[in-house]
Structures are given as structure tokens and as C-alpha cells.
Amino acid sequence: MKTKQKTPKPLIGIIGGNGKMGMWFKKFFENLGFEILISGTRTTLTNIELAKKADIVIVSVPIQKTIEVIKEVRKNVKKDALL
């Protein structure tokens, strides 16, 4: 009989995580036991640094900035990550 190995939870990165929606995502995923990274205008962690580290990247910025931010980070998201 095989024993199930526990799969580690993915690291979630939230770009724009200090805004209202970003904070909602942060609390939601933290309550489920996920580790969260935040980048934004008031953080030392850059969007690109976050994209390189996170397994799941959530873009939570004002709609007029969304395309710009995705273009900024898209080449830095890990190959097997979710954007």
C-alpha cells in the first residue's frame, strides 16, 4: 500500500497586493494556509522579482494598468507558473 505524499502548496504572488482587492486575495489565501508574496508601489519587492519566485501570479492592479503590468512580468514568470 502506497502512502500519499503531501504536495507542497504553491507560493502565491499578488502584484498590487496593497490595494483593496489585493488585500482581499491576500487574506483569502492566507486563511487557506498559502504563503503570499506582495509587490506594489509601496514594497521593496519588485513585480519582476515576484514573478520569478511565485508559482501563481495574480495581477490586482487598476484596470488601466493591467496590460502594462502583464507585459512587464510575462517573460519572468516561471515556465510552470500560472499567471
N, C-alpha and C. Protein backbone atom coordinates (compact mmCIF):
# COMPACT_ATOMS: atom_id res chain seq x y z
N MET A 1 0.83 -1.18 0.00
CA MET A 1 0.00 0.00 0.00
C MET A 1 0.88 1.25 0.00
N LYS A 2 0.61 2.14 -0.96
CA LYS A 2 1.37 3.38 -1.06
C LYS A 2 0.81 4.42 -0.11
N THR A 3 1.72 5.17 0.48
CA THR A 3 1.27 6.30 1.30
C THR A 3 1.28 7.56 0.44
N LYS A 4 0.27 8.36 0.65
CA LYS A 4 0.18 9.61 -0.10
C LYS A 4 1.22 10.60 0.41
N GLN A 5 1.96 11.17 -0.53
CA GLN A 5 2.89 12.23 -0.15
C GLN A 5 2.16 13.55 -0.24
N LYS A 6 2.44 14.40 0.71
CA LYS A 6 1.81 15.71 0.73
C LYS A 6 2.46 16.61 -0.32
N THR A 7 1.65 17.17 -1.19
CA THR A 7 2.15 18.09 -2.19
C THR A 7 2.27 19.47 -1.56
N PRO A 8 3.44 20.11 -1.70
CA PRO A 8 3.57 21.44 -1.10
C PRO A 8 2.64 22.44 -1.77
N LYS A 9 2.12 23.37 -0.99
CA LYS A 9 1.23 24.39 -1.53
C LYS A 9 2.04 25.36 -2.38
N PRO A 10 1.47 25.82 -3.47
CA PRO A 10 2.19 26.78 -4.30
C PRO A 10 2.35 28.13 -3.60
N LEU A 11 3.41 28.83 -3.94
CA LEU A 11 3.66 30.17 -3.45
C LEU A 11 2.87 31.14 -4.33
N ILE A 12 2.04 31.96 -3.71
CA ILE A 12 1.19 32.88 -4.45
C ILE A 12 1.76 34.29 -4.36
N GLY A 13 1.90 34.93 -5.52
CA GLY A 13 2.35 36.31 -5.57
C GLY A 13 1.22 37.20 -6.06
N ILE A 14 1.04 38.32 -5.37
CA ILE A 14 -0.01 39.26 -5.75
C ILE A 14 0.64 40.59 -6.11
N ILE A 15 0.55 40.94 -7.38
CA ILE A 15 1.04 42.24 -7.84
C ILE A 15 -0.09 43.24 -7.60
N GLY A 16 0.22 44.27 -6.83
CA GLY A 16 -0.82 45.22 -6.45
C GLY A 16 -1.53 44.77 -5.19
N GLY A 17 -0.84 44.02 -4.38
CA GLY A 17 -1.44 43.39 -3.21
C GLY A 17 -1.76 44.32 -2.05
N ASN A 18 -1.43 45.59 -2.17
CA ASN A 18 -1.74 46.52 -1.09
C ASN A 18 -3.05 47.27 -1.32
N GLY A 19 -3.68 47.07 -2.47
CA GLY A 19 -4.98 47.70 -2.73
C GLY A 19 -6.10 46.89 -2.09
N LYS A 20 -7.31 47.38 -2.24
CA LYS A 20 -8.46 46.70 -1.61
C LYS A 20 -8.64 45.27 -2.11
N MET A 21 -8.62 45.09 -3.42
CA MET A 21 -8.81 43.74 -3.98
C MET A 21 -7.60 42.85 -3.66
N GLY A 22 -6.40 43.42 -3.76
CA GLY A 22 -5.20 42.67 -3.43
C GLY A 22 -5.19 42.19 -1.99
N MET A 23 -5.62 43.05 -1.07
CA MET A 23 -5.68 42.67 0.34
C MET A 23 -6.73 41.58 0.56
N TRP A 24 -7.84 41.63 -0.20
CA TRP A 24 -8.85 40.59 -0.09
C TRP A 24 -8.26 39.24 -0.51
N PHE A 25 -7.56 39.23 -1.67
CA PHE A 25 -6.91 37.99 -2.13
C PHE A 25 -5.91 37.50 -1.08
N LYS A 26 -5.11 38.40 -0.54
CA LYS A 26 -4.10 38.03 0.46
C LYS A 26 -4.74 37.33 1.65
N LYS A 27 -5.77 37.96 2.23
CA LYS A 27 -6.44 37.36 3.39
C LYS A 27 -7.08 36.02 3.03
N PHE A 28 -7.72 35.96 1.86
CA PHE A 28 -8.39 34.74 1.42
C PHE A 28 -7.40 33.57 1.36
N PHE A 29 -6.28 33.77 0.68
CA PHE A 29 -5.32 32.68 0.51
C PHE A 29 -4.54 32.39 1.79
N GLU A 30 -4.26 33.41 2.60
CA GLU A 30 -3.60 33.16 3.89
C GLU A 30 -4.49 32.31 4.79
N ASN A 31 -5.79 32.55 4.77
CA ASN A 31 -6.73 31.76 5.58
C ASN A 31 -6.77 30.30 5.14
N LEU A 32 -6.37 30.04 3.90
CA LEU A 32 -6.29 28.66 3.40
C LEU A 32 -4.90 28.05 3.61
N GLY A 33 -4.01 28.82 4.24
CA GLY A 33 -2.69 28.30 4.57
C GLY A 33 -1.61 28.51 3.52
N PHE A 34 -1.86 29.36 2.53
CA PHE A 34 -0.87 29.63 1.50
C PHE A 34 0.11 30.70 1.95
N GLU A 35 1.34 30.61 1.47
CA GLU A 35 2.32 31.66 1.67
C GLU A 35 2.13 32.67 0.55
N ILE A 36 2.19 33.96 0.90
CA ILE A 36 1.88 35.03 -0.04
C ILE A 36 3.06 35.99 -0.17
N LEU A 37 3.34 36.40 -1.41
CA LEU A 37 4.27 37.49 -1.69
C LEU A 37 3.46 38.65 -2.24
N ILE A 38 3.86 39.88 -1.89
CA ILE A 38 3.17 41.07 -2.35
C ILE A 38 4.18 42.00 -3.01
N SER A 39 3.82 42.55 -4.17
CA SER A 39 4.61 43.63 -4.76
C SER A 39 3.66 44.75 -5.12
N GLY A 40 4.19 45.95 -5.08
CA GLY A 40 3.38 47.11 -5.41
C GLY A 40 4.19 48.37 -5.29
N THR A 41 3.53 49.47 -5.36
CA THR A 41 4.22 50.76 -5.33
C THR A 41 4.85 51.05 -3.97
N ARG A 42 4.40 50.37 -2.93
CA ARG A 42 4.94 50.60 -1.58
C ARG A 42 5.74 49.43 -1.03
N THR A 43 6.26 48.57 -1.91
CA THR A 43 7.03 47.41 -1.44
C THR A 43 8.45 47.47 -2.00
N THR A 44 9.36 46.80 -1.32
CA THR A 44 10.73 46.70 -1.85
C THR A 44 10.82 45.58 -2.87
N LEU A 45 9.94 44.60 -2.79
CA LEU A 45 9.90 43.52 -3.77
C LEU A 45 9.30 44.06 -5.06
N THR A 46 10.02 43.88 -6.18
CA THR A 46 9.51 44.38 -7.46
C THR A 46 8.56 43.36 -8.09
N ASN A 47 7.80 43.82 -9.06
CA ASN A 47 6.90 42.92 -9.79
C ASN A 47 7.67 41.80 -10.47
N ILE A 48 8.82 42.12 -11.05
CA ILE A 48 9.63 41.11 -11.74
C ILE A 48 10.21 40.11 -10.76
N GLU A 49 10.69 40.57 -9.60
CA GLU A 49 11.20 39.64 -8.58
C GLU A 49 10.09 38.70 -8.12
N LEU A 50 8.89 39.23 -7.92
CA LEU A 50 7.76 38.41 -7.52
C LEU A 50 7.45 37.37 -8.59
N ALA A 51 7.43 37.80 -9.86
CA ALA A 51 7.12 36.88 -10.96
C ALA A 51 8.12 35.74 -11.05
N LYS A 52 9.36 35.99 -10.73
CA LYS A 52 10.40 34.96 -10.78
C LYS A 52 10.25 33.94 -9.66
N LYS A 53 9.65 34.34 -8.54
CA LYS A 53 9.56 33.47 -7.36
C LYS A 53 8.24 32.71 -7.24
N ALA A 54 7.14 33.34 -7.64
CA ALA A 54 5.81 32.79 -7.35
C ALA A 54 5.42 31.66 -8.29
N ASP A 55 4.63 30.73 -7.76
CA ASP A 55 4.06 29.64 -8.56
C ASP A 55 2.75 30.07 -9.20
N ILE A 56 2.07 31.00 -8.54
CA ILE A 56 0.84 31.59 -9.06
C ILE A 56 1.00 33.11 -8.94
N VAL A 57 0.81 33.83 -10.04
CA VAL A 57 0.93 35.29 -10.04
C VAL A 57 -0.45 35.88 -10.31
N ILE A 58 -0.93 36.66 -9.37
CA ILE A 58 -2.22 37.35 -9.50
C ILE A 58 -1.94 38.82 -9.75
N VAL A 59 -2.53 39.37 -10.79
CA VAL A 59 -2.39 40.78 -11.10
C VAL A 59 -3.63 41.49 -10.59
N SER A 60 -3.44 42.31 -9.56
CA SER A 60 -4.55 43.00 -8.92
C SER A 60 -4.24 44.50 -8.91
N VAL A 61 -4.30 45.08 -10.08
CA VAL A 61 -3.98 46.50 -10.26
C VAL A 61 -5.17 47.19 -10.93
N PRO A 62 -5.19 48.52 -10.93
CA PRO A 62 -6.27 49.20 -11.65
C PRO A 62 -6.33 48.74 -13.10
N ILE A 63 -7.52 48.61 -13.64
CA ILE A 63 -7.72 48.03 -14.97
C ILE A 63 -6.88 48.71 -16.04
N GLN A 64 -6.68 50.02 -15.94
CA GLN A 64 -5.90 50.72 -16.95
C GLN A 64 -4.41 50.38 -16.89
N LYS A 65 -3.95 49.74 -15.81
CA LYS A 65 -2.55 49.34 -15.65
C LYS A 65 -2.33 47.85 -15.94
N THR A 66 -3.40 47.09 -16.08
CA THR A 66 -3.30 45.63 -16.18
C THR A 66 -2.43 45.17 -17.33
N ILE A 67 -2.67 45.64 -18.53
CA ILE A 67 -1.88 45.19 -19.70
C ILE A 67 -0.42 45.56 -19.53
N GLU A 68 -0.16 46.77 -19.06
CA GLU A 68 1.21 47.23 -18.83
C GLU A 68 1.95 46.31 -17.85
N VAL A 69 1.30 45.94 -16.76
CA VAL A 69 1.92 45.09 -15.75
C VAL A 69 2.15 43.68 -16.29
N ILE A 70 1.19 43.14 -17.01
CA ILE A 70 1.36 41.80 -17.58
C ILE A 70 2.51 41.79 -18.57
N LYS A 71 2.61 42.80 -19.41
CA LYS A 71 3.73 42.90 -20.35
C LYS A 71 5.06 43.00 -19.61
N GLU A 72 5.07 43.71 -18.48
CA GLU A 72 6.28 43.89 -17.68
C GLU A 72 6.80 42.56 -17.13
N VAL A 73 5.90 41.69 -16.68
CA VAL A 73 6.33 40.48 -15.97
C VAL A 73 6.29 39.21 -16.79
N ARG A 74 5.61 39.19 -17.90
CA ARG A 74 5.32 37.93 -18.62
C ARG A 74 6.55 37.10 -18.95
N LYS A 75 7.66 37.72 -19.26
CA LYS A 75 8.87 36.96 -19.62
C LYS A 75 9.62 36.45 -18.39
N ASN A 76 9.19 36.88 -17.22
CA ASN A 76 9.86 36.50 -15.98
C ASN A 76 9.07 35.48 -15.15
N VAL A 77 7.86 35.19 -15.55
CA VAL A 77 7.06 34.18 -14.84
C VAL A 77 7.67 32.82 -15.11
N LYS A 78 7.79 32.01 -14.05
CA LYS A 78 8.36 30.68 -14.20
C LYS A 78 7.56 29.88 -15.23
N LYS A 79 8.26 29.00 -15.96
CA LYS A 79 7.63 28.23 -17.04
C LYS A 79 6.39 27.46 -16.59
N ASP A 80 6.43 26.91 -15.40
CA ASP A 80 5.31 26.09 -14.93
C ASP A 80 4.37 26.87 -13.99
N ALA A 81 4.50 28.19 -13.98
CA ALA A 81 3.66 29.02 -13.10
C ALA A 81 2.36 29.42 -13.81
N LEU A 82 1.43 29.88 -13.02
CA LEU A 82 0.14 30.34 -13.51
C LEU A 82 0.12 31.87 -13.40
N LEU A 83 -0.24 32.53 -14.50
CA LEU A 83 -0.35 34.00 -14.49
C LEU A 83 -1.81 34.34 -14.70
